[in-house]
Amino acid sequence: MKNTKDPRLTAGEKARIAVLTARMCKREFAGEDVDRRDLERKMDRILDGARKREEREERQAGRGR
């Protein structure tokens, strides 16, 4: 089931998230002591940017009516 808070992602955003997810998995295999917080922050920034883009598009669509 889709989380309603998740924004629709562009193809570029999906690709960037896929790469970050793969890097996180690779770090997970390296051991428990390896830190992934930097990759998680990057993913959060991508999702925040997508949310802002969606809000901006919704506002612009409301003006066009």
PDB file of N, CA and C in Angstrom:
ATOM      1  N   MET A   1       0.849  -1.186   0.000  1.00  0.00           N
ATOM      2  CA  MET A   1       0.000   0.000   0.000  1.00  0.00           C
ATOM      3  C   MET A   1       0.885   1.238   0.000  1.00  0.00           C
ATOM      4  N   LYS A   2       0.517   2.203  -0.794  1.00  0.00           N
ATOM      5  CA  LYS A   2       1.312   3.413  -0.934  1.00  0.00           C
ATOM      6  C   LYS A   2       1.088   4.350   0.240  1.00  0.00           C
ATOM      7  N   ASN A   3       2.174   4.915   0.721  1.00  0.00           N
ATOM      8  CA  ASN A   3       2.109   5.917   1.767  1.00  0.00           C
ATOM      9  C   ASN A   3       1.673   7.229   1.125  1.00  0.00           C
ATOM     10  N   THR A   4       0.635   7.858   1.647  1.00  0.00           N
ATOM     11  CA  THR A   4       0.104   9.075   1.042  1.00  0.00           C
ATOM     12  C   THR A   4       1.062  10.255   1.188  1.00  0.00           C
ATOM     13  N   LYS A   5       2.026  10.169   2.089  1.00  0.00           N
ATOM     14  CA  LYS A   5       2.980  11.253   2.259  1.00  0.00           C
ATOM     15  C   LYS A   5       4.124  11.175   1.253  1.00  0.00           C
ATOM     16  N   ASP A   6       4.261  10.032   0.572  1.00  0.00           N
ATOM     17  CA  ASP A   6       5.323   9.888  -0.413  1.00  0.00           C
ATOM     18  C   ASP A   6       4.960  10.650  -1.669  1.00  0.00           C
ATOM     19  N   PRO A   7       5.866  11.493  -2.158  1.00  0.00           N
ATOM     20  CA  PRO A   7       5.574  12.249  -3.371  1.00  0.00           C
ATOM     21  C   PRO A   7       5.772  11.383  -4.611  1.00  0.00           C
ATOM     22  N   ARG A   8       5.175  11.813  -5.716  1.00  0.00           N
ATOM     23  CA  ARG A   8       5.457  11.170  -6.996  1.00  0.00           C
ATOM     24  C   ARG A   8       6.873  11.564  -7.389  1.00  0.00           C
ATOM     25  N   LEU A   9       7.656  10.601  -7.822  1.00  0.00           N
ATOM     26  CA  LEU A   9       9.050  10.862  -8.149  1.00  0.00           C
ATOM     27  C   LEU A   9       9.246  10.888  -9.655  1.00  0.00           C
ATOM     28  N   THR A  10      10.174  11.741 -10.092  1.00  0.00           N
ATOM     29  CA  THR A  10      10.546  11.753 -11.497  1.00  0.00           C
ATOM     30  C   THR A  10      11.486  10.586 -11.753  1.00  0.00           C
ATOM     31  N   ALA A  11      11.774  10.316 -13.002  1.00  0.00           N
ATOM     32  CA  ALA A  11      12.680   9.214 -13.347  1.00  0.00           C
ATOM     33  C   ALA A  11      14.072   9.456 -12.764  1.00  0.00           C
ATOM     34  N   GLY A  12      14.530  10.688 -12.790  1.00  0.00           N
ATOM     35  CA  GLY A  12      15.840  11.020 -12.232  1.00  0.00           C
ATOM     36  C   GLY A  12      15.892  10.801 -10.731  1.00  0.00           C
ATOM     37  N   GLU A  13      14.830  11.198 -10.033  1.00  0.00           N
ATOM     38  CA  GLU A  13      14.777  11.006  -8.586  1.00  0.00           C
ATOM     39  C   GLU A  13      14.746   9.523  -8.234  1.00  0.00           C
ATOM     40  N   LYS A  14      13.994   8.742  -9.019  1.00  0.00           N
ATOM     41  CA  LYS A  14      13.942   7.295  -8.784  1.00  0.00           C
ATOM     42  C   LYS A  14      15.315   6.667  -8.971  1.00  0.00           C
ATOM     43  N   ALA A  15      16.023   7.102 -10.001  1.00  0.00           N
ATOM     44  CA  ALA A  15      17.354   6.559 -10.262  1.00  0.00           C
ATOM     45  C   ALA A  15      18.326   6.912  -9.137  1.00  0.00           C
ATOM     46  N   ARG A  16      18.273   8.156  -8.671  1.00  0.00           N
ATOM     47  CA  ARG A  16      19.171   8.574  -7.587  1.00  0.00           C
ATOM     48  C   ARG A  16      18.883   7.800  -6.307  1.00  0.00           C
ATOM     49  N   ILE A  17      17.598   7.569  -6.020  1.00  0.00           N
ATOM     50  CA  ILE A  17      17.227   6.806  -4.827  1.00  0.00           C
ATOM     51  C   ILE A  17      17.669   5.353  -4.968  1.00  0.00           C
ATOM     52  N   ALA A  18      17.560   4.796  -6.169  1.00  0.00           N
ATOM     53  CA  ALA A  18      17.999   3.414  -6.387  1.00  0.00           C
ATOM     54  C   ALA A  18      19.494   3.277  -6.144  1.00  0.00           C
ATOM     55  N   VAL A  19      20.268   4.246  -6.617  1.00  0.00           N
ATOM     56  CA  VAL A  19      21.717   4.204  -6.402  1.00  0.00           C
ATOM     57  C   VAL A  19      22.042   4.320  -4.915  1.00  0.00           C
ATOM     58  N   LEU A  20      21.374   5.230  -4.227  1.00  0.00           N
ATOM     59  CA  LEU A  20      21.618   5.391  -2.789  1.00  0.00           C
ATOM     60  C   LEU A  20      21.227   4.136  -2.020  1.00  0.00           C
ATOM     61  N   THR A  21      20.131   3.511  -2.413  1.00  0.00           N
ATOM     62  CA  THR A  21      19.698   2.281  -1.751  1.00  0.00           C
ATOM     63  C   THR A  21      20.733   1.182  -1.948  1.00  0.00           C
ATOM     64  N   ALA A  22      21.268   1.076  -3.148  1.00  0.00           N
ATOM     65  CA  ALA A  22      22.304   0.071  -3.413  1.00  0.00           C
ATOM     66  C   ALA A  22      23.550   0.344  -2.584  1.00  0.00           C
ATOM     67  N   ARG A  23      23.921   1.609  -2.463  1.00  0.00           N
ATOM     68  CA  ARG A  23      25.095   1.950  -1.649  1.00  0.00           C
ATOM     69  C   ARG A  23      24.855   1.629  -0.173  1.00  0.00           C
ATOM     70  N   MET A  24      23.616   1.868   0.296  1.00  0.00           N
ATOM     71  CA  MET A  24      23.293   1.528   1.688  1.00  0.00           C
ATOM     72  C   MET A  24      23.389   0.029   1.917  1.00  0.00           C
ATOM     73  N   CYS A  25      22.906  -0.749   0.960  1.00  0.00           N
ATOM     74  CA  CYS A  25      22.981  -2.217   1.079  1.00  0.00           C
ATOM     75  C   CYS A  25      24.436  -2.671   1.121  1.00  0.00           C
ATOM     76  N   LYS A  26      25.249  -2.069   0.286  1.00  0.00           N
ATOM     77  CA  LYS A  26      26.664  -2.431   0.253  1.00  0.00           C
ATOM     78  C   LYS A  26      27.324  -2.136   1.597  1.00  0.00           C
ATOM     79  N   ARG A  27      26.973  -1.002   2.179  1.00  0.00           N
ATOM     80  CA  ARG A  27      27.530  -0.660   3.494  1.00  0.00           C
ATOM     81  C   ARG A  27      27.013  -1.602   4.572  1.00  0.00           C
ATOM     82  N   GLU A  28      25.787  -2.048   4.433  1.00  0.00           N
ATOM     83  CA  GLU A  28      25.218  -2.979   5.406  1.00  0.00           C
ATOM     84  C   GLU A  28      26.000  -4.292   5.398  1.00  0.00           C
ATOM     85  N   PHE A  29      26.391  -4.737   4.209  1.00  0.00           N
ATOM     86  CA  PHE A  29      27.195  -5.957   4.107  1.00  0.00           C
ATOM     87  C   PHE A  29      28.578  -5.774   4.720  1.00  0.00           C
ATOM     88  N   ALA A  30      29.062  -4.542   4.748  1.00  0.00           N
ATOM     89  CA  ALA A  30      30.390  -4.274   5.285  1.00  0.00           C
ATOM     90  C   ALA A  30      30.440  -4.473   6.800  1.00  0.00           C
ATOM     91  N   GLY A  31      29.309  -4.380   7.458  1.00  0.00           N
ATOM     92  CA  GLY A  31      29.274  -4.603   8.895  1.00  0.00           C
ATOM     93  C   GLY A  31      28.376  -3.628   9.610  1.00  0.00           C
ATOM     94  N   GLU A  32      28.141  -3.936  10.864  1.00  0.00           N
ATOM     95  CA  GLU A  32      27.248  -3.098  11.671  1.00  0.00           C
ATOM     96  C   GLU A  32      27.884  -1.775  12.067  1.00  0.00           C
ATOM     97  N   ASP A  33      29.187  -1.718  12.065  1.00  0.00           N
ATOM     98  CA  ASP A  33      29.879  -0.509  12.513  1.00  0.00           C
ATOM     99  C   ASP A  33      29.953   0.573  11.447  1.00  0.00           C
ATOM    100  N   VAL A  34      29.527   0.269  10.233  1.00  0.00           N
ATOM    101  CA  VAL A  34      29.617   1.219   9.127  1.00  0.00           C
ATOM    102  C   VAL A  34      28.427   2.179   9.194  1.00  0.00           C
ATOM    103  N   ASP A  35      28.715   3.459   9.070  1.00  0.00           N
ATOM    104  CA  ASP A  35      27.688   4.498   9.197  1.00  0.00           C
ATOM    105  C   ASP A  35      27.024   4.773   7.852  1.00  0.00           C
ATOM    106  N   ARG A  36      25.689   4.821   7.846  1.00  0.00           N
ATOM    107  CA  ARG A  36      24.922   5.094   6.622  1.00  0.00           C
ATOM    108  C   ARG A  36      24.182   6.415   6.703  1.00  0.00           C
ATOM    109  N   ARG A  37      24.378   7.158   7.758  1.00  0.00           N
ATOM    110  CA  ARG A  37      23.570   8.365   7.958  1.00  0.00           C
ATOM    111  C   ARG A  37      23.708   9.373   6.823  1.00  0.00           C
ATOM    112  N   ASP A  38      24.910   9.476   6.231  1.00  0.00           N
ATOM    113  CA  ASP A  38      25.084  10.435   5.146  1.00  0.00           C
ATOM    114  C   ASP A  38      24.209  10.070   3.942  1.00  0.00           C
ATOM    115  N   LEU A  39      24.096   8.784   3.646  1.00  0.00           N
ATOM    116  CA  LEU A  39      23.256   8.359   2.528  1.00  0.00           C
ATOM    117  C   LEU A  39      21.777   8.550   2.851  1.00  0.00           C
ATOM    118  N   GLU A  40      21.401   8.319   4.101  1.00  0.00           N
ATOM    119  CA  GLU A  40      20.009   8.532   4.506  1.00  0.00           C
ATOM    120  C   GLU A  40      19.636  10.003   4.400  1.00  0.00           C
ATOM    121  N   ARG A  41      20.565  10.895   4.761  1.00  0.00           N
ATOM    122  CA  ARG A  41      20.301  12.336   4.636  1.00  0.00           C
ATOM    123  C   ARG A  41      20.132  12.736   3.178  1.00  0.00           C
ATOM    124  N   LYS A  42      20.959  12.159   2.296  1.00  0.00           N
ATOM    125  CA  LYS A  42      20.834  12.457   0.868  1.00  0.00           C
ATOM    126  C   LYS A  42      19.469  12.012   0.350  1.00  0.00           C
ATOM    127  N   MET A  43      19.026  10.843   0.777  1.00  0.00           N
ATOM    128  CA  MET A  43      17.722  10.346   0.344  1.00  0.00           C
ATOM    129  C   MET A  43      16.606  11.247   0.867  1.00  0.00           C
ATOM    130  N   ASP A  44      16.728  11.682   2.111  1.00  0.00           N
ATOM    131  CA  ASP A  44      15.732  12.593   2.682  1.00  0.00           C
ATOM    132  C   ASP A  44      15.663  13.898   1.895  1.00  0.00           C
ATOM    133  N   ARG A  45      16.832  14.412   1.470  1.00  0.00           N
ATOM    134  CA  ARG A  45      16.846  15.650   0.683  1.00  0.00           C
ATOM    135  C   ARG A  45      16.155  15.464  -0.658  1.00  0.00           C
ATOM    136  N   ILE A  46      16.358  14.304  -1.291  1.00  0.00           N
ATOM    137  CA  ILE A  46      15.696  14.036  -2.569  1.00  0.00           C
ATOM    138  C   ILE A  46      14.183  14.012  -2.374  1.00  0.00           C
ATOM    139  N   LEU A  47      13.722  13.326  -1.320  1.00  0.00           N
ATOM    140  CA  LEU A  47      12.283  13.238  -1.059  1.00  0.00           C
ATOM    141  C   LEU A  47      11.692  14.593  -0.684  1.00  0.00           C
ATOM    142  N   ASP A  48      12.436  15.387   0.093  1.00  0.00           N
ATOM    143  CA  ASP A  48      11.960  16.729   0.442  1.00  0.00           C
ATOM    144  C   ASP A  48      11.837  17.600  -0.803  1.00  0.00           C
ATOM    145  N   GLY A  49      12.810  17.509  -1.687  1.00  0.00           N
ATOM    146  CA  GLY A  49      12.758  18.267  -2.934  1.00  0.00           C
ATOM    147  C   GLY A  49      11.573  17.854  -3.789  1.00  0.00           C
ATOM    148  N   ALA A  50      11.274  16.559  -3.818  1.00  0.00           N
ATOM    149  CA  ALA A  50      10.131  16.067  -4.594  1.00  0.00           C
ATOM    150  C   ALA A  50       8.821  16.578  -3.996  1.00  0.00           C
ATOM    151  N   ARG A  51       8.743  16.616  -2.677  1.00  0.00           N
ATOM    152  CA  ARG A  51       7.526  17.143  -2.030  1.00  0.00           C
ATOM    153  C   ARG A  51       7.329  18.624  -2.367  1.00  0.00           C
ATOM    154  N   LYS A  52       8.421  19.384  -2.304  1.00  0.00           N
ATOM    155  CA  LYS A  52       8.326  20.813  -2.624  1.00  0.00           C
ATOM    156  C   LYS A  52       7.929  21.011  -4.077  1.00  0.00           C
ATOM    157  N   ARG A  53       8.480  20.189  -4.977  1.00  0.00           N
ATOM    158  CA  ARG A  53       8.138  20.283  -6.390  1.00  0.00           C
ATOM    159  C   ARG A  53       6.659  19.993  -6.609  1.00  0.00           C
ATOM    160  N   GLU A  54       6.148  18.961  -5.940  1.00  0.00           N
ATOM    161  CA  GLU A  54       4.721  18.630  -6.063  1.00  0.00           C
ATOM    162  C   GLU A  54       3.841  19.771  -5.566  1.00  0.00           C
ATOM    163  N   GLU A  55       4.200  20.337  -4.417  1.00  0.00           N
ATOM    164  CA  GLU A  55       3.418  21.456  -3.879  1.00  0.00           C
ATOM    165  C   GLU A  55       3.422  22.636  -4.848  1.00  0.00           C
ATOM    166  N   ARG A  56       4.594  22.918  -5.416  1.00  0.00           N
ATOM    167  CA  ARG A  56       4.714  24.024  -6.369  1.00  0.00           C
ATOM    168  C   ARG A  56       3.860  23.758  -7.606  1.00  0.00           C
ATOM    169  N   GLU A  57       3.890  22.505  -8.100  1.00  0.00           N
ATOM    170  CA  GLU A  57       3.084  22.156  -9.276  1.00  0.00           C
ATOM    171  C   GLU A  57       1.592  22.265  -8.977  1.00  0.00           C
ATOM    172  N   GLU A  58       1.178  21.872  -7.774  1.00  0.00           N
ATOM    173  CA  GLU A  58      -0.236  21.968  -7.399  1.00  0.00           C
ATOM    174  C   GLU A  58      -0.678  23.422  -7.327  1.00  0.00           C
ATOM    175  N   ARG A  59       0.168  24.283  -6.775  1.00  0.00           N
ATOM    176  CA  ARG A  59      -0.168  25.706  -6.699  1.00  0.00           C
ATOM    177  C   ARG A  59      -0.293  26.297  -8.092  1.00  0.00           C
ATOM    178  N   GLN A  60       0.631  25.924  -8.983  1.00  0.00           N
ATOM    179  CA  GLN A  60       0.590  26.456 -10.351  1.00  0.00           C
ATOM    180  C   GLN A  60      -0.618  25.924 -11.104  1.00  0.00           C
ATOM    181  N   ALA A  61      -1.009  24.690 -10.857  1.00  0.00           N
ATOM    182  CA  ALA A  61      -2.187  24.120 -11.524  1.00  0.00           C
ATOM    183  C   ALA A  61      -3.450  24.819 -11.027  1.00  0.00           C
ATOM    184  N   GLY A  62      -3.473  25.236  -9.768  1.00  0.00           N
ATOM    185  CA  GLY A  62      -4.625  25.951  -9.229  1.00  0.00           C
ATOM    186  C   GLY A  62      -4.791  27.322  -9.838  1.00  0.00           C
ATOM    187  N   ARG A  63      -3.689  27.958 -10.204  1.00  0.00           N
ATOM    188  CA  ARG A  63      -3.750  29.286 -10.823  1.00  0.00           C
ATOM    189  C   ARG A  63      -4.237  29.212 -12.256  1.00  0.00           C
ATOM    190  N   GLY A  64      -3.937  28.100 -12.921  1.00  0.00           N
ATOM    191  CA  GLY A  64      -4.277  27.973 -14.326  1.00  0.00           C
ATOM    192  C   GLY A  64      -5.754  27.732 -14.581  1.00  0.00           C
ATOM    193  N   ARG A  65      -6.524  27.482 -13.569  1.00  0.00           N
ATOM    194  CA  ARG A  65      -7.963  27.199 -13.739  1.00  0.00           C
ATOM    195  C   ARG A  65      -8.755  28.436 -13.927  1.00  0.00           C
TER     196      ARG A  65
END
